[in-house]
């Protein structure tokens, strides 16, 4: 709920969701007939592809078109029925791999990770665990120019309505400890910090990590703000420049479980929010179409309804209910068309609401004028475009209903694409 000052002098406040003390266990949902994986590789650049239509796939097998660090893990065994290009947000191209799932009695498991799990290392973690729930990223540990000095586990959810990471802190704190211990062992880093909401501070004490808390006001759980305010060193400088590796609580639990059992956990915990606002944690195999979740809860999509991947502030609309649950999908929201706030082409009225709420202290009312005119380089040079942490608060409070957040993301993407093209040509 948003809270506003009567006089409009205090910025409005949004409160994070607090996990229910009597939180029910996640509802288990099985993939019906197919799973689908979107790999961060363009099909146009795969050359001699490692996979082709008709290939058999085992549960836990790495799914990639080339020998690269970009891969996902198949949560089920089956046969590849389709490989195609999927165009995502901002025109980014992925390779979509559709797998027809074997029956439960015919499931086969890939043993590649089991053969190396007895000797945990950064190398086999990067090679086998990057597709686990929570999508842990190990690449930063291999950057010698920016050595990692601290591991930060996010036991908070950085968007509204979601309680996915809180669930793991509340119910799996020993699993978090196991994962943290393993991460410290394979990286050689002893500085591990667990970030939790204030109401979970006592539970988090059993993790073995240093516990720090964030308050309930959005967007205090954003990683950029955590680095700036919570992880500030004694001399007042942020640790962000000295190297921090972020992992979600779910990812840390999955890492610990993988090494302890030799089996790759491939069930993703997701906060599902129905049209009527009911929230339920669900457990689904990675790659499961959203439609399977809708069927479980008898939720019907009508023309004009919206499927949002992520929370209400930073989430992205999916074009279809066939879109899959991916390793980093923490929340799915179904929004009735009658509850959707229409955007407009009304010009900025300079009310100052966006400036008042901006945690990065950007003059958003000036920035949006450059962005609407397509003057992206000027926006970056003169109005702190790249200082934006993309919390989405500006769009939420905009009196003119300007999609400020989307303008900012488009501008950043365009400039980064231009820079990449220039470097490629050079």
Foldseek 3Di string as FASTA:
>chain_A
DWDADPVRPAFIWDFADDADPCADDAAEFEFDWKFKDWWQDAPVPLVQFPDDFFDWAAAQDWDDGHPDLITAGHNWTAGWHDWDWDQDPLRRITIMTMGGHDPPVPHHHDLVLLVPLQPDALVVCSVRQCNAFQRFDSVQCVPPVQHAAEEEEELDAQFHPFNQSVCCLSPPLVLLLLLVVSVCVRSVHPQYEYEEAPVSQVSNVVSPHHYDYFYGTPRCSQPVNCQQPVQQDPVNHGCVRNHYGYTYSSSSSQNSVCSVPVDGDFWYWAWEAAAVGDTGIHTYGFRRQQVSVCVVVVGDDDPQKWKWQGHPQQTDTDPDSRDTHGSNRHYIYIHDNVPDDDADPDQQPPPCSLCSPQPLNWPLNVLVVCLVVVVLVCSVPPTVLVSHSLRNVSCVPGPNNHSSSSSSVNSVVVVVVVVVVVVVVD
